[in-house]
PDB file of N, CA and C in Angstrom:
ATOM      1  N   MET A   1       7.542  37.295  42.287  1.00  0.00           N
ATOM      2  CA  MET A   1       7.261  38.272  41.443  1.00  0.00           C
ATOM      3  C   MET A   1       6.178  38.309  40.407  1.00  0.00           C
ATOM      4  N   ILE A   2       6.861  36.888  40.118  1.00  0.00           N
ATOM      5  CA  ILE A   2       5.418  36.848  38.086  1.00  0.00           C
ATOM      6  C   ILE A   2       4.392  37.306  37.561  1.00  0.00           C
ATOM      7  N   ASP A   3       3.448  36.800  39.300  1.00  0.00           N
ATOM      8  CA  ASP A   3       1.538  37.902  39.786  1.00  0.00           C
ATOM      9  C   ASP A   3       1.996  39.214  39.299  1.00  0.00           C
ATOM     10  N   GLN A   4       3.189  40.204  39.864  1.00  0.00           N
ATOM     11  CA  GLN A   4       3.289  40.789  38.575  1.00  0.00           C
ATOM     12  C   GLN A   4       3.189  41.317  37.822  1.00  0.00           C
ATOM     13  N   PHE A   5       3.600  40.085  37.415  1.00  0.00           N
ATOM     14  CA  PHE A   5       3.586  41.065  35.730  1.00  0.00           C
ATOM     15  C   PHE A   5       2.100  39.820  34.467  1.00  0.00           C
ATOM     16  N   PRO A   6       1.320  39.216  34.370  1.00  0.00           N
ATOM     17  CA  PRO A   6      -0.051  38.023  34.439  1.00  0.00           C
ATOM     18  C   PRO A   6      -0.144  38.749  33.079  1.00  0.00           C
ATOM     19  N   ASN A   7      -0.362  40.013  32.191  1.00  0.00           N
ATOM     20  CA  ASN A   7       0.527  40.094  30.782  1.00  0.00           C
ATOM     21  C   ASN A   7       1.205  39.928  30.604  1.00  0.00           C
ATOM     22  N   LEU A   8       2.204  40.668  31.228  1.00  0.00           N
ATOM     23  CA  LEU A   8       3.744  39.340  30.282  1.00  0.00           C
ATOM     24  C   LEU A   8       3.762  38.453  30.416  1.00  0.00           C
ATOM     25  N   THR A   9       3.474  37.565  31.185  1.00  0.00           N
ATOM     26  CA  THR A   9       3.683  35.947  31.398  1.00  0.00           C
ATOM     27  C   THR A   9       2.329  35.781  29.670  1.00  0.00           C
ATOM     28  N   GLN A  10       1.251  35.729  29.656  1.00  0.00           N
ATOM     29  CA  GLN A  10       0.155  35.456  28.704  1.00  0.00           C
ATOM     30  C   GLN A  10       0.904  35.801  27.296  1.00  0.00           C
ATOM     31  N   PHE A  11       0.896  37.536  27.303  1.00  0.00           N
ATOM     32  CA  PHE A  11       2.387  37.771  26.024  1.00  0.00           C
ATOM     33  C   PHE A  11       3.768  36.473  25.923  1.00  0.00           C
ATOM     34  N   PHE A  12       4.436  36.652  26.884  1.00  0.00           N
ATOM     35  CA  PHE A  12       5.909  35.648  26.944  1.00  0.00           C
ATOM     36  C   PHE A  12       5.046  34.040  26.609  1.00  0.00           C
ATOM     37  N   SER A  13       3.969  33.597  26.789  1.00  0.00           N
ATOM     38  CA  SER A  13       3.483  31.980  27.005  1.00  0.00           C
ATOM     39  C   SER A  13       3.233  31.503  26.361  1.00  0.00           C
ATOM     40  N   SER A  14       2.250  33.198  25.139  1.00  0.00           N
ATOM     41  CA  SER A  14       0.852  32.882  24.118  1.00  0.00           C
ATOM     42  C   SER A  14       2.063  32.428  22.727  1.00  0.00           C
ATOM     43  N   TYR A  15       3.000  34.147  23.151  1.00  0.00           N
ATOM     44  CA  TYR A  15       3.420  33.695  21.896  1.00  0.00           C
ATOM     45  C   TYR A  15       4.875  33.365  21.531  1.00  0.00           C
ATOM     46  N   PHE A  16       5.185  33.384  22.820  1.00  0.00           N
ATOM     47  CA  PHE A  16       6.975  32.716  22.694  1.00  0.00           C
ATOM     48  C   PHE A  16       6.949  31.375  23.330  1.00  0.00           C
ATOM     49  N   HIS A  17       6.055  31.073  23.255  1.00  0.00           N
ATOM     50  CA  HIS A  17       5.925  29.959  24.011  1.00  0.00           C
ATOM     51  C   HIS A  17       6.788  28.129  22.873  1.00  0.00           C
ATOM     52  N   GLN A  18       6.885  27.098  23.927  1.00  0.00           N
ATOM     53  CA  GLN A  18       7.610  26.771  22.501  1.00  0.00           C
ATOM     54  C   GLN A  18       8.207  26.048  21.430  1.00  0.00           C
ATOM     55  N   ASP A  19       6.537  26.424  20.724  1.00  0.00           N
ATOM     56  CA  ASP A  19       6.522  26.634  19.364  1.00  0.00           C
ATOM     57  C   ASP A  19       5.979  26.615  18.722  1.00  0.00           C
ATOM     58  N   TRP A  20       6.678  28.646  19.016  1.00  0.00           N
ATOM     59  CA  TRP A  20       6.585  29.723  18.781  1.00  0.00           C
ATOM     60  C   TRP A  20       7.480  29.636  16.636  1.00  0.00           C
ATOM     61  N   PRO A  21       8.417  28.878  17.065  1.00  0.00           N
ATOM     62  CA  PRO A  21       8.577  29.439  15.187  1.00  0.00           C
ATOM     63  C   PRO A  21       7.702  28.260  14.697  1.00  0.00           C
ATOM     64  N   LEU A  22       6.932  27.673  14.548  1.00  0.00           N
ATOM     65  CA  LEU A  22       5.973  27.110  14.138  1.00  0.00           C
ATOM     66  C   LEU A  22       4.888  28.980  13.419  1.00  0.00           C
ATOM     67  N   GLU A  23       4.984  29.171  14.311  1.00  0.00           N
ATOM     68  CA  GLU A  23       3.809  30.674  13.884  1.00  0.00           C
ATOM     69  C   GLU A  23       4.197  31.825  13.132  1.00  0.00           C
ATOM     70  N   ALA A  24       5.455  32.161  13.038  1.00  0.00           N
ATOM     71  CA  ALA A  24       6.135  33.615  13.221  1.00  0.00           C
ATOM     72  C   ALA A  24       7.809  32.816  12.905  1.00  0.00           C
ATOM     73  N   ASP A  25       7.530  33.392  11.522  1.00  0.00           N
ATOM     74  CA  ASP A  25       9.236  33.443  11.414  1.00  0.00           C
ATOM     75  C   ASP A  25      10.481  34.310  11.857  1.00  0.00           C
ATOM     76  N   THR A  26       9.600  35.097  12.871  1.00  0.00           N
ATOM     77  CA  THR A  26      11.212  35.659  13.439  1.00  0.00           C
ATOM     78  C   THR A  26      10.275  36.924  14.369  1.00  0.00           C
ATOM     79  N   PRO A  27      11.619  37.192  15.100  1.00  0.00           N
ATOM     80  CA  PRO A  27      10.350  37.172  17.074  1.00  0.00           C
ATOM     81  C   PRO A  27       9.840  38.551  16.725  1.00  0.00           C
ATOM     82  N   SER A  28      10.084  39.823  15.667  1.00  0.00           N
ATOM     83  CA  SER A  28       9.335  40.285  14.977  1.00  0.00           C
ATOM     84  C   SER A  28       7.075  41.024  14.906  1.00  0.00           C
ATOM     85  N   GLN A  29       7.822  39.449  14.049  1.00  0.00           N
ATOM     86  CA  GLN A  29       6.438  38.630  13.479  1.00  0.00           C
ATOM     87  C   GLN A  29       5.746  38.088  14.609  1.00  0.00           C
ATOM     88  N   ALA A  30       6.014  37.674  15.188  1.00  0.00           N
ATOM     89  CA  ALA A  30       5.409  37.337  16.588  1.00  0.00           C
ATOM     90  C   ALA A  30       4.905  38.241  17.432  1.00  0.00           C
ATOM     91  N   VAL A  31       5.493  39.191  17.175  1.00  0.00           N
ATOM     92  CA  VAL A  31       5.333  40.608  18.227  1.00  0.00           C
ATOM     93  C   VAL A  31       4.310  41.151  17.715  1.00  0.00           C
ATOM     94  N   ASN A  32       4.143  41.325  16.737  1.00  0.00           N
ATOM     95  CA  ASN A  32       3.809  41.142  15.276  1.00  0.00           C
ATOM     96  C   ASN A  32       2.362  41.072  15.374  1.00  0.00           C
ATOM     97  N   ASN A  33       2.375  39.457  15.670  1.00  0.00           N
ATOM     98  CA  ASN A  33       0.995  38.642  15.866  1.00  0.00           C
ATOM     99  C   ASN A  33       0.146  38.828  17.293  1.00  0.00           C
ATOM    100  N   TYR A  34       0.636  39.035  17.863  1.00  0.00           N
ATOM    101  CA  TYR A  34       0.326  39.794  19.195  1.00  0.00           C
ATOM    102  C   TYR A  34      -0.495  41.336  18.891  1.00  0.00           C
ATOM    103  N   LEU A  35       0.721  41.938  18.429  1.00  0.00           N
ATOM    104  CA  LEU A  35      -0.034  43.619  18.427  1.00  0.00           C
ATOM    105  C   LEU A  35      -1.342  42.951  17.686  1.00  0.00           C
ATOM    106  N   ASN A  36      -1.440  42.194  16.729  1.00  0.00           N
ATOM    107  CA  ASN A  36      -2.098  42.250  15.977  1.00  0.00           C
ATOM    108  C   ASN A  36      -4.013  41.355  16.446  1.00  0.00           C
ATOM    109  N   SER A  37      -3.660  40.890  17.006  1.00  0.00           N
ATOM    110  CA  SER A  37      -4.939  39.697  17.857  1.00  0.00           C
ATOM    111  C   SER A  37      -5.565  39.919  19.085  1.00  0.00           C
ATOM    112  N   GLU A  38      -4.618  40.187  20.143  1.00  0.00           N
ATOM    113  CA  GLU A  38      -5.084  40.888  21.271  1.00  0.00           C
ATOM    114  C   GLU A  38      -5.921  42.377  21.450  1.00  0.00           C
ATOM    115  N   PRO A  39      -6.781  42.802  22.593  1.00  0.00           N
ATOM    116  CA  PRO A  39      -7.403  43.887  23.159  1.00  0.00           C
ATOM    117  C   PRO A  39      -6.086  44.774  22.812  1.00  0.00           C
ATOM    118  N   PRO A  40      -6.696  46.521  22.566  1.00  0.00           N
ATOM    119  CA  PRO A  40      -5.597  46.938  23.146  1.00  0.00           C
ATOM    120  C   PRO A  40      -6.015  47.458  24.432  1.00  0.00           C
ATOM    121  N   GLU A  41      -5.920  46.780  25.379  1.00  0.00           N
ATOM    122  CA  GLU A  41      -6.622  46.478  26.598  1.00  0.00           C
ATOM    123  C   GLU A  41      -5.041  45.779  27.492  1.00  0.00           C
ATOM    124  N   SER A  42      -5.357  44.431  26.445  1.00  0.00           N
ATOM    125  CA  SER A  42      -3.611  44.009  26.682  1.00  0.00           C
ATOM    126  C   SER A  42      -2.962  43.969  26.663  1.00  0.00           C
ATOM    127  N   ILE A  43      -2.456  45.038  25.138  1.00  0.00           N
ATOM    128  CA  ILE A  43      -2.311  44.934  24.438  1.00  0.00           C
ATOM    129  C   ILE A  43      -0.964  46.622  25.449  1.00  0.00           C
ATOM    130  N   GLU A  44      -2.567  47.756  26.072  1.00  0.00           N
ATOM    131  CA  GLU A  44      -1.597  48.051  27.282  1.00  0.00           C
ATOM    132  C   GLU A  44      -0.908  47.956  28.193  1.00  0.00           C
ATOM    133  N   ALA A  45      -1.557  46.903  29.318  1.00  0.00           N
ATOM    134  CA  ALA A  45      -1.110  46.423  29.968  1.00  0.00           C
ATOM    135  C   ALA A  45       0.152  46.257  30.266  1.00  0.00           C
ATOM    136  N   ALA A  46       0.476  45.089  29.208  1.00  0.00           N
ATOM    137  CA  ALA A  46       1.510  44.177  28.277  1.00  0.00           C
ATOM    138  C   ALA A  46       2.803  45.457  28.804  1.00  0.00           C
ATOM    139  N   SER A  47       2.419  46.279  27.776  1.00  0.00           N
ATOM    140  CA  SER A  47       3.763  47.125  27.342  1.00  0.00           C
ATOM    141  C   SER A  47       4.279  47.882  29.081  1.00  0.00           C
ATOM    142  N   GLN A  48       2.257  48.194  29.232  1.00  0.00           N
ATOM    143  CA  GLN A  48       2.912  48.861  31.064  1.00  0.00           C
ATOM    144  C   GLN A  48       3.493  47.953  31.945  1.00  0.00           C
ATOM    145  N   GLU A  49       3.565  46.464  31.854  1.00  0.00           N
ATOM    146  CA  GLU A  49       4.367  46.104  33.329  1.00  0.00           C
ATOM    147  C   GLU A  49       5.676  44.827  32.409  1.00  0.00           C
ATOM    148  N   LEU A  50       6.174  45.788  30.649  1.00  0.00           N
ATOM    149  CA  LEU A  50       7.171  45.926  29.999  1.00  0.00           C
ATOM    150  C   LEU A  50       7.704  46.482  30.824  1.00  0.00           C
ATOM    151  N   ALA A  51       7.539  47.710  30.731  1.00  0.00           N
ATOM    152  CA  ALA A  51       8.647  49.212  31.841  1.00  0.00           C
ATOM    153  C   ALA A  51       8.341  48.970  33.043  1.00  0.00           C
ATOM    154  N   GLN A  52       8.009  48.415  33.610  1.00  0.00           N
ATOM    155  CA  GLN A  52       7.937  48.215  35.111  1.00  0.00           C
ATOM    156  C   GLN A  52       9.454  47.486  34.921  1.00  0.00           C
ATOM    157  N   LEU A  53       8.710  46.235  34.482  1.00  0.00           N
ATOM    158  CA  LEU A  53      10.519  44.709  34.297  1.00  0.00           C
ATOM    159  C   LEU A  53      11.411  45.954  34.423  1.00  0.00           C
ATOM    160  N   LEU A  54      11.305  46.315  33.106  1.00  0.00           N
ATOM    161  CA  LEU A  54      12.967  46.958  33.034  1.00  0.00           C
ATOM    162  C   LEU A  54      13.601  48.044  33.792  1.00  0.00           C
ATOM    163  N   GLU A  55      12.296  49.028  34.523  1.00  0.00           N
ATOM    164  CA  GLU A  55      12.614  49.431  35.636  1.00  0.00           C
ATOM    165  C   GLU A  55      13.722  49.038  36.791  1.00  0.00           C
ATOM    166  N   MET A  56      13.124  47.350  36.667  1.00  0.00           N
ATOM    167  CA  MET A  56      13.452  46.868  37.953  1.00  0.00           C
ATOM    168  C   MET A  56      14.755  47.069  38.263  1.00  0.00           C
ATOM    169  N   PRO A  57      15.796  47.113  39.508  1.00  0.00           N
ATOM    170  CA  PRO A  57      17.083  47.195  39.545  1.00  0.00           C
ATOM    171  C   PRO A  57      17.960  45.844  39.136  1.00  0.00           C
ATOM    172  N   ILE A  58      17.358  45.174  37.999  1.00  0.00           N
ATOM    173  CA  ILE A  58      17.988  43.311  37.901  1.00  0.00           C
ATOM    174  C   ILE A  58      18.999  43.059  37.038  1.00  0.00           C
ATOM    175  N   SER A  59      19.693  42.060  37.948  1.00  0.00           N
ATOM    176  CA  SER A  59      21.240  42.101  36.414  1.00  0.00           C
ATOM    177  C   SER A  59      20.455  41.810  35.514  1.00  0.00           C
ATOM    178  N   GLU A  60      21.467  41.192  34.197  1.00  0.00           N
ATOM    179  CA  GLU A  60      21.136  41.039  32.815  1.00  0.00           C
ATOM    180  C   GLU A  60      20.541  39.433  33.665  1.00  0.00           C
ATOM    181  N   LEU A  61      21.542  38.898  34.153  1.00  0.00           N
ATOM    182  CA  LEU A  61      21.565  37.602  34.417  1.00  0.00           C
ATOM    183  C   LEU A  61      19.680  36.812  34.852  1.00  0.00           C
ATOM    184  N   ASP A  62      19.644  38.084  36.388  1.00  0.00           N
ATOM    185  CA  ASP A  62      18.378  36.870  37.150  1.00  0.00           C
ATOM    186  C   ASP A  62      17.405  37.736  35.342  1.00  0.00           C
ATOM    187  N   LEU A  63      17.721  38.776  34.184  1.00  0.00           N
ATOM    188  CA  LEU A  63      15.931  39.231  33.691  1.00  0.00           C
ATOM    189  C   LEU A  63      15.744  37.331  32.724  1.00  0.00           C
ATOM    190  N   GLU A  64      17.395  37.579  32.974  1.00  0.00           N
ATOM    191  CA  GLU A  64      17.523  36.424  31.294  1.00  0.00           C
ATOM    192  C   GLU A  64      16.483  35.037  32.126  1.00  0.00           C
ATOM    193  N   THR A  65      17.011  34.819  32.816  1.00  0.00           N
ATOM    194  CA  THR A  65      16.291  33.329  34.143  1.00  0.00           C
ATOM    195  C   THR A  65      14.201  33.625  33.952  1.00  0.00           C
ATOM    196  N   PHE A  66      14.481  35.231  34.876  1.00  0.00           N
ATOM    197  CA  PHE A  66      13.410  35.786  34.885  1.00  0.00           C
ATOM    198  C   PHE A  66      12.094  35.331  33.566  1.00  0.00           C
ATOM    199  N   VAL A  67      12.478  36.364  31.968  1.00  0.00           N
ATOM    200  CA  VAL A  67      11.702  36.199  31.709  1.00  0.00           C
ATOM    201  C   VAL A  67      11.633  35.082  30.563  1.00  0.00           C
ATOM    202  N   LEU A  68      13.077  33.936  30.598  1.00  0.00           N
ATOM    203  CA  LEU A  68      13.007  33.136  29.767  1.00  0.00           C
ATOM    204  C   LEU A  68      12.760  32.062  30.849  1.00  0.00           C
ATOM    205  N   ASP A  69      12.417  31.868  31.726  1.00  0.00           N
ATOM    206  CA  ASP A  69      12.409  31.096  33.303  1.00  0.00           C
ATOM    207  C   ASP A  69      10.589  31.019  33.370  1.00  0.00           C
ATOM    208  N   GLU A  70      10.953  31.649  33.889  1.00  0.00           N
ATOM    209  CA  GLU A  70       9.338  32.545  34.540  1.00  0.00           C
ATOM    210  C   GLU A  70       7.943  33.101  33.946  1.00  0.00           C
ATOM    211  N   LEU A  71       8.579  33.887  32.531  1.00  0.00           N
ATOM    212  CA  LEU A  71       7.115  33.646  31.813  1.00  0.00           C
ATOM    213  C   LEU A  71       6.887  33.100  31.096  1.00  0.00           C
ATOM    214  N   GLY A  72       8.197  31.680  31.469  1.00  0.00           N
ATOM    215  CA  GLY A  72       7.238  31.524  29.570  1.00  0.00           C
ATOM    216  C   GLY A  72       7.926  31.323  28.141  1.00  0.00           C
ATOM    217  N   CYS A  73       8.944  32.012  28.124  1.00  0.00           N
ATOM    218  CA  CYS A  73       9.558  33.030  26.534  1.00  0.00           C
ATOM    219  C   CYS A  73      10.137  31.130  26.550  1.00  0.00           C
ATOM    220  N   TYR A  74      10.292  31.785  25.780  1.00  0.00           N
ATOM    221  CA  TYR A  74      11.368  30.347  24.485  1.00  0.00           C
ATOM    222  C   TYR A  74      12.731  30.904  24.231  1.00  0.00           C
ATOM    223  N   TYR A  75      11.682  32.095  23.606  1.00  0.00           N
ATOM    224  CA  TYR A  75      13.284  32.694  22.472  1.00  0.00           C
ATOM    225  C   TYR A  75      13.927  32.928  23.287  1.00  0.00           C
ATOM    226  N   ASP A  76      15.314  33.265  22.254  1.00  0.00           N
ATOM    227  CA  ASP A  76      16.805  33.380  23.164  1.00  0.00           C
ATOM    228  C   ASP A  76      17.506  34.257  22.339  1.00  0.00           C
ATOM    229  N   PRO A  77      16.853  35.863  23.170  1.00  0.00           N
ATOM    230  CA  PRO A  77      17.888  36.959  22.168  1.00  0.00           C
ATOM    231  C   PRO A  77      19.778  36.555  21.173  1.00  0.00           C
ATOM    232  N   GLN A  78      19.855  35.705  22.852  1.00  0.00           N
ATOM    233  CA  GLN A  78      21.006  35.643  22.510  1.00  0.00           C
ATOM    234  C   GLN A  78      21.133  34.806  21.088  1.00  0.00           C
ATOM    235  N   SER A  79      20.383  34.674  20.385  1.00  0.00           N
ATOM    236  CA  SER A  79      20.681  33.439  19.857  1.00  0.00           C
ATOM    237  C   SER A  79      21.213  34.456  17.802  1.00  0.00           C
ATOM    238  N   GLN A  80      20.868  35.686  19.174  1.00  0.00           N
ATOM    239  CA  GLN A  80      20.959  37.065  16.941  1.00  0.00           C
ATOM    240  C   GLN A  80      21.827  37.796  18.061  1.00  0.00           C
ATOM    241  N   ASN A  81      22.733  37.377  18.850  1.00  0.00           N
ATOM    242  CA  ASN A  81      23.892  38.764  19.035  1.00  0.00           C
ATOM    243  C   ASN A  81      22.908  39.624  20.125  1.00  0.00           C
ATOM    244  N   ARG A  82      22.134  39.999  21.168  1.00  0.00           N
ATOM    245  CA  ARG A  82      21.252  40.569  21.617  1.00  0.00           C
ATOM    246  C   ARG A  82      20.916  39.670  22.782  1.00  0.00           C
ATOM    247  N   THR A  83      21.330  41.286  23.854  1.00  0.00           N
ATOM    248  CA  THR A  83      20.947  40.930  25.195  1.00  0.00           C
ATOM    249  C   THR A  83      19.153  40.001  25.550  1.00  0.00           C
ATOM    250  N   VAL A  84      18.973  40.023  26.769  1.00  0.00           N
ATOM    251  CA  VAL A  84      17.634  39.951  27.320  1.00  0.00           C
ATOM    252  C   VAL A  84      17.449  41.488  27.210  1.00  0.00           C
ATOM    253  N   ARG A  85      17.872  42.656  27.688  1.00  0.00           N
ATOM    254  CA  ARG A  85      17.335  43.463  28.051  1.00  0.00           C
ATOM    255  C   ARG A  85      16.728  44.136  26.998  1.00  0.00           C
ATOM    256  N   GLU A  86      18.386  43.958  25.803  1.00  0.00           N
ATOM    257  CA  GLU A  86      18.175  44.823  24.141  1.00  0.00           C
ATOM    258  C   GLU A  86      17.506  44.055  24.521  1.00  0.00           C
ATOM    259  N   TRP A  87      16.616  42.886  23.710  1.00  0.00           N
ATOM    260  CA  TRP A  87      14.630  42.406  22.700  1.00  0.00           C
ATOM    261  C   TRP A  87      14.090  43.691  24.152  1.00  0.00           C
ATOM    262  N   LEU A  88      13.958  42.860  25.328  1.00  0.00           N
ATOM    263  CA  LEU A  88      12.582  43.657  25.276  1.00  0.00           C
ATOM    264  C   LEU A  88      12.887  44.965  25.416  1.00  0.00           C
ATOM    265  N   GLU A  89      13.718  45.477  25.557  1.00  0.00           N
ATOM    266  CA  GLU A  89      13.755  46.907  25.090  1.00  0.00           C
ATOM    267  C   GLU A  89      12.563  47.215  23.421  1.00  0.00           C
ATOM    268  N   SER A  90      13.283  46.479  22.769  1.00  0.00           N
ATOM    269  CA  SER A  90      13.156  46.451  20.360  1.00  0.00           C
ATOM    270  C   SER A  90      11.110  45.961  21.251  1.00  0.00           C
ATOM    271  N   VAL A  91      11.171  44.675  22.441  1.00  0.00           N
ATOM    272  CA  VAL A  91       9.827  44.820  22.054  1.00  0.00           C
ATOM    273  C   VAL A  91       8.406  45.647  22.587  1.00  0.00           C
ATOM    274  N   GLN A  92       8.869  46.284  23.743  1.00  0.00           N
ATOM    275  CA  GLN A  92       8.562  47.401  24.500  1.00  0.00           C
ATOM    276  C   GLN A  92       8.402  48.844  23.551  1.00  0.00           C
ATOM    277  N   LEU A  93       9.716  48.901  22.625  1.00  0.00           N
ATOM    278  CA  LEU A  93       9.124  50.715  22.109  1.00  0.00           C
ATOM    279  C   LEU A  93       8.327  49.517  20.673  1.00  0.00           C
ATOM    280  N   SER A  94       7.736  48.077  20.376  1.00  0.00           N
ATOM    281  CA  SER A  94       6.817  48.331  19.648  1.00  0.00           C
ATOM    282  C   SER A  94       5.804  47.676  19.983  1.00  0.00           C
ATOM    283  N   LEU A  95       4.898  47.224  21.778  1.00  0.00           N
ATOM    284  CA  LEU A  95       3.637  47.768  22.309  1.00  0.00           C
ATOM    285  C   LEU A  95       3.516  49.512  22.290  1.00  0.00           C
ATOM    286  N   THR A  96       5.278  49.905  22.086  1.00  0.00           N
ATOM    287  CA  THR A  96       4.543  51.558  22.995  1.00  0.00           C
ATOM    288  C   THR A  96       4.122  52.161  21.461  1.00  0.00           C
ATOM    289  N   ASP A  97       4.679  51.490  20.018  1.00  0.00           N
ATOM    290  CA  ASP A  97       4.850  52.513  18.400  1.00  0.00           C
ATOM    291  C   ASP A  97       3.230  52.099  18.303  1.00  0.00           C
ATOM    292  N   ARG A  98       2.433  50.919  18.966  1.00  0.00           N
ATOM    293  CA  ARG A  98       1.277  50.512  18.432  1.00  0.00           C
ATOM    294  C   ARG A  98       0.267  51.851  19.096  1.00  0.00           C
ATOM    295  N   ARG A  99       0.322  51.899  20.592  1.00  0.00           N
ATOM    296  CA  ARG A  99      -0.678  53.065  21.292  1.00  0.00           C
ATOM    297  C   ARG A  99      -1.090  53.765  20.829  1.00  0.00           C
TER     298      ARG A  99
END
């Protein structure tokens, strides 16, 4: 399934890698760093892939495992009392608003 989401993999593994807090004070700042650094085509593609992922009938646990493990994301939204889905929906809004 990871092959379906190459742009999301790039986004998470590049902007939410293991040391992402050294480059951004907050998850929102990491998203903004992405928005300010990547070409519009990449942002659009990641947004479309994220929309596709959020539309899939996938449990919260499976979504957490997929995003946090397989896509290379080292941010855990539960640290701020949010589900992975809630956080991804907020990221989706940020990516969509940028278009």
